Amino acid sequence: MKPKDLKIVGIVAIIIVVLNIFLFAFTVISSAIFWSVIVVAAVFVYFVLPKLKEKSP
């Protein structure tokens, strides 16, 4: 993946987490959904994103 693509993926992940926080703060989503999204985002950033970075030319 190109560095520009990785940057876009990172920004999208940040936007999803911030949107998740706002939706939880305004009680649009439950706490189970909130924590599920947080855990999925953390696993993605910790495990998947570095592997994508390794494959970049």
N, C-alpha and C. Protein backbone atom coordinates (compact mmCIF):
# COMPACT_ATOMS: atom_id res chain seq x y z
N MET A 1 0.84 -1.18 0.00
CA MET A 1 0.00 0.00 0.00
C MET A 1 0.88 1.24 0.00
N LYS A 2 0.44 2.25 -0.69
CA LYS A 2 1.19 3.49 -0.74
C LYS A 2 1.01 4.27 0.57
N PRO A 3 2.01 5.08 0.94
CA PRO A 3 1.88 5.87 2.17
C PRO A 3 0.63 6.76 2.18
N LYS A 4 0.26 7.27 1.02
CA LYS A 4 -0.93 8.13 0.95
C LYS A 4 -2.19 7.31 1.28
N ASP A 5 -2.24 6.07 0.79
CA ASP A 5 -3.39 5.21 1.08
C ASP A 5 -3.45 4.85 2.57
N LEU A 6 -2.28 4.61 3.17
CA LEU A 6 -2.24 4.32 4.60
C LEU A 6 -2.73 5.50 5.42
N LYS A 7 -2.38 6.70 4.98
CA LYS A 7 -2.84 7.90 5.67
C LYS A 7 -4.36 8.02 5.61
N ILE A 8 -4.93 7.72 4.46
CA ILE A 8 -6.38 7.78 4.29
C ILE A 8 -7.06 6.73 5.18
N VAL A 9 -6.49 5.52 5.24
CA VAL A 9 -7.05 4.47 6.09
C VAL A 9 -7.00 4.89 7.55
N GLY A 10 -5.90 5.50 7.96
CA GLY A 10 -5.78 5.97 9.34
C GLY A 10 -6.77 7.06 9.67
N ILE A 11 -6.97 7.98 8.75
CA ILE A 11 -7.92 9.08 8.98
C ILE A 11 -9.35 8.54 9.06
N VAL A 12 -9.68 7.57 8.22
CA VAL A 12 -11.01 6.97 8.26
C VAL A 12 -11.23 6.26 9.60
N ALA A 13 -10.20 5.56 10.10
CA ALA A 13 -10.32 4.88 11.40
C ALA A 13 -10.55 5.89 12.52
N ILE A 14 -9.84 7.01 12.47
CA ILE A 14 -10.02 8.06 13.49
C ILE A 14 -11.43 8.64 13.42
N ILE A 15 -11.92 8.88 12.21
CA ILE A 15 -13.27 9.44 12.04
C ILE A 15 -14.32 8.48 12.61
N ILE A 16 -14.14 7.18 12.36
CA ILE A 16 -15.09 6.20 12.88
C ILE A 16 -15.10 6.19 14.40
N VAL A 17 -13.92 6.25 15.01
CA VAL A 17 -13.85 6.24 16.48
C VAL A 17 -14.46 7.51 17.07
N VAL A 18 -14.17 8.65 16.48
CA VAL A 18 -14.73 9.91 16.98
C VAL A 18 -16.25 9.93 16.82
N LEU A 19 -16.74 9.47 15.67
CA LEU A 19 -18.18 9.39 15.46
C LEU A 19 -18.82 8.44 16.48
N ASN A 20 -18.13 7.35 16.76
CA ASN A 20 -18.59 6.39 17.77
C ASN A 20 -18.72 7.06 19.13
N ILE A 21 -17.74 7.87 19.50
CA ILE A 21 -17.77 8.55 20.80
C ILE A 21 -18.95 9.53 20.86
N PHE A 22 -19.16 10.29 19.78
CA PHE A 22 -20.28 11.23 19.77
C PHE A 22 -21.63 10.51 19.85
N LEU A 23 -21.78 9.43 19.10
CA LEU A 23 -23.04 8.69 19.14
C LEU A 23 -23.30 8.10 20.53
N PHE A 24 -22.24 7.64 21.19
CA PHE A 24 -22.40 7.11 22.55
C PHE A 24 -22.73 8.23 23.53
N ALA A 25 -22.10 9.37 23.36
CA ALA A 25 -22.34 10.50 24.26
C ALA A 25 -23.79 10.99 24.17
N PHE A 26 -24.37 10.93 22.98
CA PHE A 26 -25.75 11.36 22.81
C PHE A 26 -26.73 10.19 22.92
N THR A 27 -26.27 9.08 23.45
CA THR A 27 -27.06 7.86 23.71
C THR A 27 -27.81 7.36 22.47
N VAL A 28 -27.19 7.47 21.33
CA VAL A 28 -27.78 6.92 20.11
C VAL A 28 -27.45 5.43 20.01
N ILE A 29 -26.28 5.05 20.51
CA ILE A 29 -25.87 3.65 20.50
C ILE A 29 -25.68 3.17 21.93
N SER A 30 -25.74 1.87 22.11
CA SER A 30 -25.58 1.30 23.46
C SER A 30 -24.10 1.16 23.79
N SER A 31 -23.84 0.85 25.05
CA SER A 31 -22.46 0.70 25.48
C SER A 31 -21.81 -0.54 24.86
N ALA A 32 -22.59 -1.57 24.57
CA ALA A 32 -22.05 -2.77 23.94
C ALA A 32 -21.53 -2.46 22.53
N ILE A 33 -22.29 -1.70 21.78
CA ILE A 33 -21.86 -1.31 20.44
C ILE A 33 -20.65 -0.40 20.53
N PHE A 34 -20.67 0.53 21.48
CA PHE A 34 -19.54 1.45 21.67
C PHE A 34 -18.25 0.68 21.91
N TRP A 35 -18.27 -0.25 22.86
CA TRP A 35 -17.05 -1.00 23.19
C TRP A 35 -16.65 -1.95 22.08
N SER A 36 -17.63 -2.47 21.36
CA SER A 36 -17.31 -3.34 20.22
C SER A 36 -16.54 -2.58 19.15
N VAL A 37 -16.99 -1.38 18.85
CA VAL A 37 -16.30 -0.57 17.85
C VAL A 37 -14.90 -0.19 18.33
N ILE A 38 -14.77 0.15 19.60
CA ILE A 38 -13.45 0.50 20.15
C ILE A 38 -12.50 -0.69 20.06
N VAL A 39 -12.97 -1.88 20.41
CA VAL A 39 -12.11 -3.07 20.36
C VAL A 39 -11.72 -3.40 18.92
N VAL A 40 -12.67 -3.35 18.01
CA VAL A 40 -12.37 -3.64 16.60
C VAL A 40 -11.37 -2.63 16.05
N ALA A 41 -11.55 -1.36 16.37
CA ALA A 41 -10.61 -0.33 15.90
C ALA A 41 -9.22 -0.54 16.49
N ALA A 42 -9.15 -0.90 17.76
CA ALA A 42 -7.85 -1.13 18.39
C ALA A 42 -7.13 -2.33 17.77
N VAL A 43 -7.85 -3.40 17.52
CA VAL A 43 -7.25 -4.58 16.89
C VAL A 43 -6.78 -4.23 15.48
N PHE A 44 -7.58 -3.48 14.76
CA PHE A 44 -7.20 -3.08 13.40
C PHE A 44 -5.92 -2.24 13.42
N VAL A 45 -5.86 -1.27 14.30
CA VAL A 45 -4.71 -0.37 14.34
C VAL A 45 -3.46 -1.09 14.85
N TYR A 46 -3.63 -1.99 15.81
CA TYR A 46 -2.48 -2.64 16.42
C TYR A 46 -1.93 -3.80 15.57
N PHE A 47 -2.82 -4.56 14.93
CA PHE A 47 -2.36 -5.74 14.19
C PHE A 47 -2.38 -5.57 12.68
N VAL A 48 -3.44 -5.03 12.12
CA VAL A 48 -3.61 -4.99 10.67
C VAL A 48 -2.84 -3.85 10.03
N LEU A 49 -2.90 -2.68 10.58
CA LEU A 49 -2.24 -1.52 9.97
C LEU A 49 -0.73 -1.70 9.83
N PRO A 50 -0.01 -2.23 10.83
CA PRO A 50 1.42 -2.45 10.62
C PRO A 50 1.72 -3.45 9.50
N LYS A 51 0.88 -4.47 9.34
CA LYS A 51 1.09 -5.43 8.24
C LYS A 51 0.88 -4.76 6.89
N LEU A 52 -0.09 -3.85 6.81
CA LEU A 52 -0.29 -3.10 5.57
C LEU A 52 0.91 -2.19 5.30
N LYS A 53 1.46 -1.64 6.36
CA LYS A 53 2.62 -0.76 6.20
C LYS A 53 3.84 -1.54 5.71
N GLU A 54 4.01 -2.79 6.17
CA GLU A 54 5.13 -3.61 5.72
C GLU A 54 5.05 -3.90 4.24
N LYS A 55 3.85 -4.06 3.72
CA LYS A 55 3.67 -4.38 2.30
C LYS A 55 3.82 -3.17 1.40
N SER A 56 3.93 -1.99 1.97
CA SER A 56 4.03 -0.80 1.13
C SER A 56 5.41 -0.73 0.48
N PRO A 57 5.46 -0.27 -0.77
CA PRO A 57 6.76 -0.20 -1.48
C PRO A 57 7.65 0.91 -1.00
